Amino acid sequence: MNLLNRFTNSTQFKDYNDFYNNFKLKVPDNFNYAYDVVDEYARLEPTKRALVWCDDLGDERIFSFADIKRLSDKAANFFLSRGIGKGDTVLVILQRRWEYWTTLMALSKIGAIAIPATHMLMEKDIAYRMEKAQIKMIVAVNEDELCENILKAVKKVSSPVQAVCVGKREGFIDYTEETEKQSSTLAAPYKTERTANDIVLVYFTSGTTGMPKMVALPQRYTLGHIVTAKYWLNCMDEGLHFTLAETGWAKASWGKLFGQWLCGSAIFVYDFHGKFDPDALLNHVSKYGITTFCAPPTVYRFMMKSDLSKYDLSSIKFMMTAGEALNPEIYRQIMMKTGHAIYEGFGQTETTVVCGTFSQYMEIRPGSMGRPSPLYYVQLLNNEDRPVEQGETGEICIRLREPQEGLFSGYYLDDALTESVKYDGYYHMGDLAFCDSDGYYWFVGRKDDIIKSSGYRIGPFEVESALMEHPAVLECAITAVPDELRGQIVKATVVLAKGYEASEELVKELQNHVKKTTAPYKYPRIVEFVEELPKTISGKIRRVEIRENDFHHE
């Protein structure tokens, strides 16, 4: 059993046009995910599997919806006992601990706002978030460095912040012990004054440029993930979905919580620490019988280099990717080795899936982000905010409507920043794409990353895709370098695959490869070999850092 029919007009459509034109969400005015989804499953089908959790030490726990309800009610009572209530902000740094799911549902139940964050934050990052979002409490994993950073940050901020962690630690409230003491009947259900517009989550975006922004997401946003989970990720009732994301990132909301449970699918969580190990990951996929799997292109790059024949991946029905554009070469190799296509999706922290390859209704075009979700009217606009012609590059914009399901309310406590991206009836995403004659969208790059050389506009993604086809290239980033003659020239920063060494011959080989694979004027006139690329803590390449380093070295 799943709850999709409660919140959609239909789940089956003839083709993409039928899906795009006729899919509708039904959002109750007082919708609250924790009560209307989790507690409903606990009432109707209490033993239904919700969460399969394991860690790299061999521990395992399986939770039913009745378990999630009971544990989230206890956690809600703990928060209420500490003075946390409607509209209060709580920083949640629980990595992949199972408590993340019960904590988020508990905060939803009392109308508080969860602010998920990664355990990789340093003291200054934590203090910045505390001040900016007026944090009342932090709930964290019990890790030495993180907890030390939290205690230092708490002393720096102007308002008192309660520090809570899983288990005993000096200076912290013991979350495990204190929640266990609580009643499993929620003391004061917050039901009367709730609305679907209540903020349930705020994410600090990792941002490839500038300081992190606070993205405020309302309860109605969570229902937008029906499109993400059912039509793009292909989550199925009684299935087991595995998205490889840490809970500090919005991708966890896409693939580790909201849409999956609405579809009746359990969520698989592998709580690993230290360096990513593709072999351990593949062993877990095989052991637990994962049915749907989603990972960023980087993970598929690692898988591409592994001997996949050692693993039984027969339980997998669908594979997906998002987070960065997928190079066609990775798609080709994974298809060849597993027999599985990779379905691409595109969106932001501010949205649910905006464009996707919705497998039930369209074929894959490798390298394309697919076609628009029925939740959004997507328009590509030029620098004068006018629609571009078919095949021309423009900024991806979403026409605003009320109510707009699956879209952020605005930037938390920052109306000016909200108005800088939501204006003239559109939300301006800052990403560039073009649309082909069949309605498929193709990612070009961030607006800030476009290279203008000798009158040509060059998107970094196309050149990166060309380079990725060469066996010597493990990872690469394309950026602009100022040039007196051409304005800007193309630079490739390359991480070499095992067995290859930097040389002038290899530079020439890579340049010629790009000239043959794409338009010759796009080839990188500068090639730099590095050990690793600068990345945000969410793993996205920071081209801005490469550009800044080049500028300072001039």
Protein backbone atom coordinates (compact mmCIF):
# COMPACT_ATOMS: atom_id res chain seq x y z
CA MET A 1 0.00 0.00 0.00
CA ASN A 2 1.13 3.56 -0.69
CA LEU A 3 -0.43 6.97 -0.10
CA LEU A 4 0.03 8.42 -3.58
CA ASN A 5 -3.65 8.47 -4.47
CA ARG A 6 -4.41 10.72 -1.50
CA PHE A 7 -2.19 13.47 -2.85
CA THR A 8 -2.37 13.11 -6.66
CA ASN A 9 -5.20 13.15 -9.19
CA SER A 10 -3.78 10.07 -10.94
CA THR A 11 -0.63 7.95 -11.04
CA GLN A 12 -0.89 6.56 -14.60
CA PHE A 13 -0.64 8.51 -17.85
CA LYS A 14 -0.60 7.59 -21.55
CA ASP A 15 2.58 9.43 -22.51
CA TYR A 16 4.78 12.38 -21.54
CA ASN A 17 2.35 15.03 -22.83
CA ASP A 18 -0.50 13.48 -20.84
CA PHE A 19 1.75 13.35 -17.75
CA TYR A 20 3.01 16.93 -18.17
CA ASN A 21 -0.40 18.47 -18.89
CA ASN A 22 -2.59 16.50 -16.52
CA PHE A 23 -0.61 15.46 -13.43
CA LYS A 24 -1.81 17.44 -10.40
CA LEU A 25 -1.03 17.39 -6.71
CA LYS A 26 -3.77 17.57 -4.07
CA VAL A 27 -2.35 19.43 -1.07
CA PRO A 28 -4.58 19.71 2.02
CA ASP A 29 -4.50 23.23 3.52
CA ASN A 30 -3.22 21.89 6.85
CA PHE A 31 -0.83 19.28 5.36
CA ASN A 32 2.00 18.12 7.63
CA TYR A 33 4.26 15.33 6.36
CA ALA A 34 4.90 13.67 9.73
CA TYR A 35 1.20 13.37 10.65
CA ASP A 36 -0.27 12.84 7.19
CA VAL A 37 2.28 10.37 5.83
CA VAL A 38 4.31 8.70 8.62
CA ASP A 39 1.55 8.51 11.23
CA GLU A 40 -0.97 7.43 8.59
CA TYR A 41 1.19 4.48 7.56
CA ALA A 42 1.63 3.64 11.26
CA ARG A 43 -2.18 3.63 11.63
CA LEU A 44 -3.02 1.75 8.41
CA GLU A 45 -0.08 -0.62 8.04
CA PRO A 46 2.07 -0.41 11.21
CA THR A 47 4.48 -3.22 10.29
CA LYS A 48 5.28 -1.79 6.83
CA ARG A 49 9.05 -1.45 6.38
CA ALA A 50 10.21 2.20 6.43
CA LEU A 51 13.97 2.25 6.98
CA VAL A 52 16.76 -0.29 6.58
CA TRP A 53 19.86 1.04 8.32
CA CYS A 54 23.34 -0.45 8.62
CA ASP A 55 26.82 0.89 9.30
CA ASP A 56 30.38 -0.08 8.41
CA LEU A 57 30.87 -1.81 11.79
CA GLY A 58 28.26 -4.45 10.97
CA ASP A 59 25.35 -3.01 13.00
CA GLU A 60 21.92 -3.19 11.40
CA ARG A 61 18.42 -1.97 12.31
CA ILE A 62 15.15 -2.25 10.43
CA PHE A 63 12.36 0.20 11.33
CA SER A 64 8.65 -0.09 10.57
CA PHE A 65 6.40 2.97 10.27
CA ALA A 66 5.07 2.16 13.76
CA ASP A 67 8.69 2.40 15.00
CA ILE A 68 9.24 5.75 13.26
CA LYS A 69 6.00 7.12 14.75
CA ARG A 70 6.84 5.95 18.29
CA LEU A 71 10.44 7.21 18.19
CA SER A 72 9.50 10.54 16.59
CA ASP A 73 6.78 11.10 19.22
CA LYS A 74 9.34 10.48 21.97
CA ALA A 75 11.80 12.87 20.27
CA ALA A 76 9.03 15.49 19.86
CA ASN A 77 8.32 15.28 23.59
CA PHE A 78 12.04 15.75 24.29
CA PHE A 79 12.14 18.90 22.11
CA LEU A 80 9.01 20.29 23.79
CA SER A 81 10.54 19.60 27.24
CA ARG A 82 13.56 21.72 26.23
CA GLY A 83 11.36 24.65 25.10
CA ILE A 84 11.54 24.02 21.35
CA GLY A 85 8.26 24.86 19.60
CA LYS A 86 6.65 26.19 16.46
CA GLY A 87 9.00 28.24 14.25
CA ASP A 88 12.12 27.48 16.31
CA THR A 89 15.22 26.49 14.34
CA VAL A 90 17.24 23.36 15.15
CA LEU A 91 20.56 22.56 13.45
CA VAL A 92 20.62 18.82 12.69
CA ILE A 93 24.07 17.29 12.09
CA LEU A 94 23.37 13.55 12.23
CA GLN A 95 25.27 12.33 9.16
CA ARG A 96 23.67 8.97 8.27
CA ARG A 97 22.59 8.01 11.80
CA TRP A 98 19.07 6.54 11.88
CA GLU A 99 18.10 9.26 14.39
CA TYR A 100 18.04 11.74 11.49
CA TRP A 101 14.70 10.36 10.27
CA THR A 102 13.00 10.33 13.67
CA THR A 103 14.40 13.80 14.49
CA LEU A 104 13.06 15.38 11.29
CA MET A 105 9.63 13.85 11.84
CA ALA A 106 9.64 15.01 15.49
CA LEU A 107 10.46 18.60 14.51
CA SER A 108 7.77 18.50 11.80
CA LYS A 109 5.22 17.37 14.40
CA ILE A 110 5.83 20.36 16.69
CA GLY A 111 6.11 22.89 13.86
CA ALA A 112 9.83 23.52 14.44
CA ILE A 113 12.25 24.04 11.54
CA ALA A 114 15.01 21.51 10.88
CA ILE A 115 18.25 22.84 9.39
CA PRO A 116 20.24 19.83 8.19
CA ALA A 117 24.01 20.30 7.93
CA THR A 118 27.07 18.22 7.19
CA HIS A 119 29.48 17.00 9.89
CA MET A 120 32.34 18.50 7.84
CA LEU A 121 31.52 22.05 8.97
CA MET A 122 34.26 23.86 10.88
CA GLU A 123 33.81 26.10 13.92
CA LYS A 124 33.33 29.29 11.85
CA ASP A 125 30.76 27.55 9.58
CA ILE A 126 28.74 26.40 12.59
CA ALA A 127 28.88 29.84 14.26
CA TYR A 128 27.82 31.49 10.95
CA ARG A 129 24.78 29.19 10.71
CA MET A 130 23.83 29.69 14.36
CA GLU A 131 23.83 33.49 14.06
CA LYS A 132 22.29 33.68 10.61
CA ALA A 133 19.39 31.28 11.29
CA GLN A 134 18.93 32.19 14.99
CA ILE A 135 19.49 28.56 16.02
CA LYS A 136 17.99 27.45 19.37
CA MET A 137 19.47 23.94 19.51
CA ILE A 138 22.00 21.68 17.76
CA VAL A 139 21.50 17.91 17.57
CA ALA A 140 24.73 16.22 16.48
CA VAL A 141 26.50 12.90 16.03
CA ASN A 142 29.00 12.03 18.74
CA GLU A 143 32.25 12.83 16.93
CA ASP A 144 35.31 14.37 18.56
CA GLU A 145 36.21 17.09 16.05
CA LEU A 146 32.61 18.06 15.28
CA CYS A 147 31.63 18.26 18.96
CA GLU A 148 34.69 20.37 19.80
CA ASN A 149 33.81 22.75 16.97
CA ILE A 150 30.21 22.97 18.20
CA LEU A 151 31.22 23.82 21.78
CA LYS A 152 33.62 26.53 20.54
CA ALA A 153 30.96 27.94 18.21
CA VAL A 154 28.28 27.98 20.96
CA LYS A 155 30.55 30.24 23.05
CA LYS A 156 30.94 32.68 20.15
CA VAL A 157 27.29 33.37 19.36
CA SER A 158 25.18 36.02 21.04
CA SER A 159 22.08 33.91 21.92
CA PRO A 160 22.10 30.72 24.02
CA VAL A 161 22.13 27.47 22.01
CA GLN A 162 21.43 24.05 23.54
CA ALA A 163 24.01 21.45 22.47
CA VAL A 164 22.66 17.91 22.16
CA CYS A 165 24.44 14.79 20.89
CA VAL A 166 23.76 11.10 20.36
CA GLY A 167 25.16 9.43 23.51
CA LYS A 168 27.16 10.77 26.44
CA ARG A 169 29.66 13.61 26.02
CA GLU A 170 30.77 16.39 28.32
CA GLY A 171 29.09 19.71 27.57
CA PHE A 172 26.19 18.05 25.69
CA ILE A 173 22.69 16.84 26.55
CA ASP A 174 22.51 13.07 25.90
CA TYR A 175 19.91 12.75 23.12
CA THR A 176 19.69 8.94 23.36
CA GLU A 177 19.07 8.88 27.12
CA GLU A 178 16.74 11.89 27.23
CA THR A 179 14.47 10.76 24.38
CA GLU A 180 14.26 7.24 25.79
CA LYS A 181 12.80 8.69 29.03
CA GLN A 182 9.96 10.43 27.18
CA SER A 183 6.41 9.19 26.72
CA SER A 184 5.66 7.62 23.32
CA THR A 185 2.37 9.56 23.26
CA LEU A 186 2.93 13.05 21.91
CA ALA A 187 2.14 15.49 24.72
CA ALA A 188 0.75 18.38 22.72
CA PRO A 189 0.02 17.54 19.09
CA TYR A 190 0.47 20.67 17.04
CA LYS A 191 -2.49 20.33 14.70
CA THR A 192 -4.88 23.20 15.03
CA GLU A 193 -2.81 26.07 13.65
CA ARG A 194 -0.69 24.21 11.10
CA THR A 195 -0.72 24.97 7.35
CA ALA A 196 0.89 23.53 4.22
CA ASN A 197 2.91 26.77 4.00
CA ASP A 198 4.67 26.25 7.36
CA ILE A 199 8.45 26.06 6.90
CA VAL A 200 9.63 22.51 7.60
CA LEU A 201 13.25 22.73 6.39
CA VAL A 202 15.94 25.31 5.78
CA TYR A 203 19.07 24.36 3.85
CA PHE A 204 22.25 26.39 3.66
CA THR A 205 23.26 25.93 0.02
CA SER A 206 26.90 24.99 -0.42
CA GLY A 207 27.08 27.47 -3.30
CA THR A 208 29.95 27.33 -5.80
CA THR A 209 30.20 31.11 -5.35
CA GLY A 210 29.56 33.45 -2.40
CA MET A 211 28.37 32.76 1.15
CA PRO A 212 25.75 30.04 1.70
CA LYS A 213 22.12 31.11 1.28
CA MET A 214 19.29 29.86 3.52
CA VAL A 215 16.68 28.07 1.39
CA ALA A 216 13.30 27.87 3.17
CA LEU A 217 11.11 24.90 2.17
CA PRO A 218 7.44 24.61 3.21
CA GLN A 219 5.44 21.47 4.06
CA ARG A 220 3.83 21.55 0.59
CA TYR A 221 7.32 21.22 -0.96
CA THR A 222 7.59 17.67 0.43
CA LEU A 223 4.64 16.51 -1.74
CA GLY A 224 6.46 17.83 -4.81
CA HIS A 225 8.84 14.92 -4.30
CA ILE A 226 6.13 12.54 -5.53
CA VAL A 227 7.35 13.49 -9.02
CA THR A 228 10.98 13.03 -7.95
CA ALA A 229 10.44 9.61 -6.40
CA LYS A 230 7.71 7.96 -8.48
CA TYR A 231 8.34 9.28 -11.97
CA TRP A 232 12.09 9.93 -11.99
CA LEU A 233 13.62 7.63 -9.33
CA ASN A 234 11.00 4.95 -10.10
CA CYS A 235 10.53 4.10 -6.41
CA MET A 236 8.06 1.25 -5.96
CA ASP A 237 5.76 0.04 -3.23
CA GLU A 238 7.65 -2.44 -0.97
CA GLY A 239 10.88 -1.59 -2.84
CA LEU A 240 14.17 -0.50 -1.25
CA HIS A 241 15.62 2.79 -2.48
CA PHE A 242 19.25 3.79 -2.01
CA THR A 243 20.38 7.38 -2.65
CA LEU A 244 24.01 7.89 -1.74
CA ALA A 245 23.80 11.28 -0.04
CA GLU A 246 24.74 12.54 3.38
CA THR A 247 21.80 14.05 5.27
CA GLY A 248 23.39 17.52 5.34
CA TRP A 249 22.48 18.05 1.68
CA ALA A 250 19.15 18.66 -0.07
CA LYS A 251 19.74 15.50 -2.13
CA ALA A 252 18.79 13.61 1.06
CA SER A 253 15.32 15.19 0.80
CA TRP A 254 15.16 14.09 -2.84
CA GLY A 255 16.25 10.51 -2.25
CA LYS A 256 16.26 9.61 1.42
CA LEU A 257 12.92 10.66 2.83
CA PHE A 258 9.86 12.40 1.43
CA GLY A 259 8.97 10.91 -1.95
CA GLN A 260 10.17 7.39 -1.15
CA TRP A 261 7.79 6.95 1.78
CA LEU A 262 4.90 8.46 -0.19
CA CYS A 263 5.54 5.74 -2.82
CA GLY A 264 5.52 3.04 -0.13
CA SER A 265 9.23 2.32 -0.67
CA ALA A 266 11.59 1.70 2.23
CA ILE A 267 14.77 3.77 2.42
CA PHE A 268 18.17 2.10 2.62
CA VAL A 269 20.90 3.86 4.60
CA TYR A 270 24.53 2.81 4.67
CA ASP A 271 26.21 4.76 7.50
CA PHE A 272 29.85 4.68 6.45
CA HIS A 273 32.75 6.79 7.67
CA GLY A 274 36.02 7.76 6.09
CA LYS A 275 36.79 7.48 2.40
CA PHE A 276 34.15 6.31 -0.04
CA ASP A 277 34.72 2.64 -0.93
CA PRO A 278 32.97 1.54 -4.15
CA ASP A 279 33.46 -2.16 -3.32
CA ALA A 280 31.75 -1.84 0.07
CA LEU A 281 28.91 0.08 -1.60
CA LEU A 282 28.42 -2.59 -4.28
CA ASN A 283 28.48 -5.35 -1.65
CA HIS A 284 25.63 -3.61 0.20
CA VAL A 285 23.59 -3.17 -2.98
CA SER A 286 23.93 -6.90 -3.58
CA LYS A 287 23.35 -8.03 0.04
CA TYR A 288 20.23 -5.96 0.71
CA GLY A 289 18.59 -6.29 -2.72
CA ILE A 290 18.41 -2.59 -3.59
CA THR A 291 15.67 -2.00 -6.21
CA THR A 292 16.34 1.64 -7.16
CA PHE A 293 19.72 3.38 -6.89
CA CYS A 294 20.80 7.01 -7.26
CA ALA A 295 24.31 8.43 -7.01
CA PRO A 296 26.23 11.45 -8.34
CA PRO A 297 28.33 11.06 -11.51
CA THR A 298 31.51 10.86 -9.37
CA VAL A 299 30.31 7.56 -7.86
CA TYR A 300 29.51 6.11 -11.28
CA ARG A 301 33.06 7.14 -12.32
CA PHE A 302 34.44 4.99 -9.48
CA MET A 303 32.07 2.14 -10.37
CA MET A 304 33.20 2.36 -13.99
CA LYS A 305 36.77 1.55 -12.87
CA SER A 306 35.63 -1.40 -10.62
CA ASP A 307 35.16 -5.02 -11.68
CA LEU A 308 31.35 -5.04 -11.56
CA SER A 309 31.16 -8.73 -12.55
CA LYS A 310 32.07 -9.62 -8.92
CA TYR A 311 28.72 -8.34 -7.62
CA ASP A 312 25.16 -9.54 -7.98
CA LEU A 313 23.32 -6.38 -9.00
CA SER A 314 20.28 -8.23 -10.34
CA SER A 315 17.87 -6.69 -7.78
CA ILE A 316 18.38 -3.21 -9.31
CA LYS A 317 15.53 -2.15 -11.59
CA PHE A 318 16.60 1.47 -12.20
CA MET A 319 19.70 3.65 -11.82
CA MET A 320 19.60 7.44 -11.63
CA THR A 321 21.96 10.40 -11.22
CA ALA A 322 21.81 14.10 -10.31
CA GLY A 323 23.98 16.74 -8.68
CA GLU A 324 26.14 17.40 -11.74
CA ALA A 325 25.56 16.80 -15.43
CA LEU A 326 26.39 13.24 -16.50
CA ASN A 327 29.10 12.86 -19.13
CA PRO A 328 27.89 10.58 -21.96
CA GLU A 329 31.05 8.45 -21.63
CA ILE A 330 30.13 7.44 -18.05
CA TYR A 331 26.63 6.58 -19.24
CA ARG A 332 28.05 4.41 -22.04
CA GLN A 333 30.46 2.51 -19.79
CA ILE A 334 27.90 1.79 -17.04
CA MET A 335 25.37 0.66 -19.65
CA MET A 336 27.98 -1.66 -21.14
CA LYS A 337 28.99 -3.13 -17.76
CA THR A 338 25.60 -3.42 -16.01
CA GLY A 339 23.00 -3.38 -18.79
CA HIS A 340 21.36 -0.47 -16.95
CA ALA A 341 20.68 2.96 -18.39
CA ILE A 342 21.24 5.93 -16.05
CA TYR A 343 18.26 8.28 -15.84
CA GLU A 344 19.35 11.86 -15.32
CA GLY A 345 17.56 14.48 -13.25
CA PHE A 346 18.17 18.18 -12.72
CA GLY A 347 17.14 20.59 -9.99
CA GLN A 348 18.44 22.64 -7.09
CA THR A 349 18.22 22.88 -3.30
CA GLU A 350 15.40 25.37 -4.03
CA THR A 351 13.34 22.84 -6.04
CA THR A 352 12.33 19.23 -6.48
CA VAL A 353 13.32 17.58 -9.80
CA VAL A 354 12.81 20.32 -12.44
CA CYS A 355 13.75 18.28 -15.53
CA GLY A 356 14.19 14.55 -15.65
CA THR A 357 14.30 11.52 -17.88
CA PHE A 358 10.96 10.11 -16.74
CA SER A 359 11.51 6.52 -17.86
CA GLN A 360 7.82 5.59 -18.12
CA TYR A 361 7.20 8.29 -20.72
CA MET A 362 10.39 9.01 -22.66
CA GLU A 363 13.58 7.55 -24.03
CA ILE A 364 17.00 8.54 -22.75
CA ARG A 365 19.18 10.98 -24.63
CA PRO A 366 22.59 10.46 -22.95
CA GLY A 367 23.86 13.79 -21.62
CA SER A 368 20.42 15.42 -21.62
CA MET A 369 18.70 16.31 -18.36
CA GLY A 370 15.38 15.22 -19.88
CA ARG A 371 12.15 17.17 -20.03
CA PRO A 372 10.31 19.40 -17.52
CA SER A 373 8.42 18.06 -14.51
CA PRO A 374 4.66 18.74 -14.63
CA LEU A 375 5.09 20.84 -11.46
CA TYR A 376 6.94 23.55 -13.39
CA TYR A 377 6.51 25.73 -16.44
CA VAL A 378 10.14 26.01 -17.61
CA GLN A 379 11.24 28.84 -19.88
CA LEU A 380 14.75 29.66 -21.14
CA LEU A 381 15.35 33.42 -20.98
CA ASN A 382 18.15 35.58 -22.43
CA ASN A 383 19.97 38.46 -20.69
CA GLU A 384 17.02 40.77 -21.47
CA ASP A 385 14.67 38.22 -19.83
CA ARG A 386 13.07 37.33 -23.17
CA PRO A 387 12.45 33.74 -24.32
CA VAL A 388 15.23 32.34 -26.53
CA GLU A 389 14.73 30.54 -29.84
CA GLN A 390 14.79 26.75 -29.97
CA GLY A 391 18.41 25.51 -29.82
CA GLU A 392 19.66 28.79 -28.30
CA THR A 393 21.19 28.88 -24.83
CA GLY A 394 19.23 30.67 -22.10
CA GLU A 395 18.87 30.78 -18.33
CA ILE A 396 16.56 28.12 -16.91
CA CYS A 397 13.63 29.94 -15.30
CA ILE A 398 10.42 28.70 -13.69
CA ARG A 399 7.22 30.68 -14.18
CA LEU A 400 5.77 31.40 -10.73
CA ARG A 401 2.21 30.47 -9.88
CA GLU A 402 0.17 30.18 -6.70
CA PRO A 403 0.37 27.76 -5.10
CA GLN A 404 3.71 26.59 -6.51
CA GLU A 405 4.31 23.04 -5.34
CA GLY A 406 7.88 21.80 -5.04
CA LEU A 407 9.51 25.25 -4.85
CA PHE A 408 11.17 27.09 -1.99
CA SER A 409 9.20 29.85 -0.23
CA GLY A 410 12.18 32.18 -0.40
CA TYR A 411 15.52 32.74 1.28
CA TYR A 412 14.98 32.55 5.03
CA LEU A 413 14.96 35.97 6.74
CA ASP A 414 16.22 37.64 3.51
CA ASP A 415 13.53 39.24 1.34
CA ALA A 416 16.05 41.21 -0.75
CA LEU A 417 17.91 38.04 -1.76
CA THR A 418 14.59 36.34 -2.59
CA GLU A 419 13.57 39.27 -4.80
CA SER A 420 16.92 39.09 -6.63
CA VAL A 421 15.95 35.66 -8.06
CA LYS A 422 12.12 35.77 -7.98
CA TYR A 423 10.98 38.67 -10.15
CA ASP A 424 8.83 39.50 -13.18
CA GLY A 425 6.85 36.31 -12.61
CA TYR A 426 9.83 33.91 -12.77
CA TYR A 427 12.27 32.16 -10.48
CA HIS A 428 15.70 32.59 -12.13
CA MET A 429 17.83 29.49 -11.47
CA GLY A 430 21.22 30.81 -12.62
CA ASP A 431 21.84 27.69 -14.76
CA LEU A 432 22.07 27.75 -18.56
CA ALA A 433 20.67 25.19 -20.99
CA PHE A 434 19.28 24.83 -24.48
CA CYS A 435 16.22 22.92 -25.65
CA ASP A 436 16.23 20.74 -28.77
CA SER A 437 13.42 20.19 -31.28
CA ASP A 438 12.06 17.22 -29.27
CA GLY A 439 11.75 19.25 -26.06
CA TYR A 440 14.81 17.74 -24.34
CA TYR A 441 16.93 20.12 -22.25
CA TRP A 442 20.73 20.11 -22.34
CA PHE A 443 22.81 21.60 -19.53
CA VAL A 444 25.43 24.17 -20.59
CA GLY A 445 26.79 25.43 -17.25
CA ARG A 446 26.29 27.94 -14.46
CA LYS A 447 25.71 31.47 -15.77
CA ASP A 448 28.93 32.54 -14.01
CA ASP A 449 30.96 29.75 -15.67
CA ILE A 450 30.32 30.60 -19.35
CA ILE A 451 33.48 31.39 -21.33
CA LYS A 452 33.41 34.15 -23.96
CA SER A 453 36.31 33.66 -26.39
CA SER A 454 36.72 35.53 -29.72
CA GLY A 455 32.95 36.16 -29.85
CA TYR A 456 32.06 32.53 -29.10
CA ARG A 457 30.16 31.48 -25.97
CA ILE A 458 31.56 28.20 -24.67
CA GLY A 459 29.84 26.13 -21.97
CA PRO A 460 32.31 24.20 -19.78
CA PHE A 461 30.23 21.03 -19.67
CA GLU A 462 30.57 20.24 -23.38
CA VAL A 463 34.37 20.50 -23.27
CA GLU A 464 34.51 18.49 -20.02
CA SER A 465 32.38 15.76 -21.64
CA ALA A 466 34.77 15.62 -24.60
CA LEU A 467 37.79 15.29 -22.30
CA MET A 468 36.09 12.63 -20.17
CA GLU A 469 35.97 10.35 -23.20
CA HIS A 470 39.78 10.16 -23.18
CA PRO A 471 41.04 7.23 -21.03
CA ALA A 472 43.76 9.41 -19.42
CA VAL A 473 41.18 11.70 -17.76
CA LEU A 474 39.69 10.76 -14.39
CA GLU A 475 38.18 14.21 -13.62
CA CYS A 476 38.44 17.64 -15.18
CA ALA A 477 37.19 21.22 -14.91
CA ILE A 478 36.98 23.80 -17.70
CA THR A 479 37.44 27.48 -16.84
CA ALA A 480 38.26 30.77 -18.55
CA VAL A 481 41.63 32.52 -18.42
CA PRO A 482 41.84 36.21 -19.46
CA ASP A 483 43.54 36.74 -22.82
CA GLU A 484 44.42 40.06 -24.50
CA LEU A 485 43.68 38.86 -28.00
CA ARG A 486 40.61 36.66 -27.49
CA GLY A 487 39.14 38.14 -24.30
CA GLN A 488 39.17 34.73 -22.64
CA ILE A 489 40.67 31.34 -23.52
CA VAL A 490 39.70 27.86 -22.41
CA LYS A 491 41.71 26.15 -19.68
CA ALA A 492 41.42 22.48 -18.66
CA THR A 493 42.42 21.43 -15.14
CA VAL A 494 42.83 17.66 -15.28
CA VAL A 495 43.17 14.82 -12.76
CA LEU A 496 44.82 11.89 -14.53
CA ALA A 497 43.62 8.29 -14.32
CA LYS A 498 45.97 5.64 -12.89
CA GLY A 499 48.83 4.71 -15.21
CA TYR A 500 49.07 8.10 -16.97
CA GLU A 501 51.71 10.77 -16.43
CA ALA A 502 51.69 14.46 -17.28
CA SER A 503 53.67 15.38 -20.39
CA GLU A 504 53.65 17.84 -23.30
CA GLU A 505 52.72 14.93 -25.58
CA LEU A 506 49.65 14.19 -23.45
CA VAL A 507 48.65 17.89 -23.52
CA LYS A 508 48.71 17.83 -27.34
CA GLU A 509 46.84 14.52 -27.40
CA LEU A 510 44.06 15.89 -25.18
CA GLN A 511 43.82 19.10 -27.19
CA ASN A 512 43.53 17.18 -30.46
CA HIS A 513 40.98 14.84 -28.91
CA VAL A 514 38.74 17.81 -28.00
CA LYS A 515 39.16 19.36 -31.48
CA LYS A 516 37.91 16.11 -33.03
CA THR A 517 35.10 15.53 -30.53
CA THR A 518 33.55 18.99 -30.43
CA ALA A 519 33.87 22.30 -32.34
CA PRO A 520 37.63 22.99 -32.75
CA TYR A 521 37.42 26.53 -31.29
CA LYS A 522 36.40 25.00 -27.93
CA TYR A 523 39.67 23.15 -27.34
CA PRO A 524 41.63 24.03 -24.16
CA ARG A 525 44.62 26.21 -25.06
CA ILE A 526 45.95 25.65 -21.51
CA VAL A 527 46.04 22.23 -19.83
CA GLU A 528 47.10 21.92 -16.19
CA PHE A 529 47.49 18.56 -14.44
CA VAL A 530 46.61 18.44 -10.72
CA GLU A 531 46.29 15.80 -8.00
CA GLU A 532 42.71 16.84 -7.17
CA LEU A 533 40.10 19.45 -8.07
CA PRO A 534 38.83 22.01 -5.54
CA LYS A 535 35.31 21.06 -4.45
CA THR A 536 32.55 22.29 -2.18
CA ILE A 537 31.92 20.13 0.88
CA SER A 538 29.01 18.60 -1.06
CA GLY A 539 31.46 17.43 -3.75
CA LYS A 540 30.68 19.93 -6.54
CA ILE A 541 33.65 21.31 -8.48
CA ARG A 542 34.52 24.89 -7.47
CA ARG A 543 35.48 26.40 -10.82
CA VAL A 544 35.43 29.81 -9.13
CA GLU A 545 38.43 28.75 -6.98
CA ILE A 546 40.39 27.66 -10.06
CA ARG A 547 39.60 31.03 -11.71
CA GLU A 548 40.64 32.96 -8.59
CA ASN A 549 43.93 31.05 -8.29
CA ASP A 550 44.72 31.74 -11.96
CA PHE A 551 43.91 35.43 -11.45
CA HIS A 552 46.20 35.71 -8.39
CA HIS A 553 49.05 33.91 -10.17
CA GLU A 554 49.02 36.25 -13.16
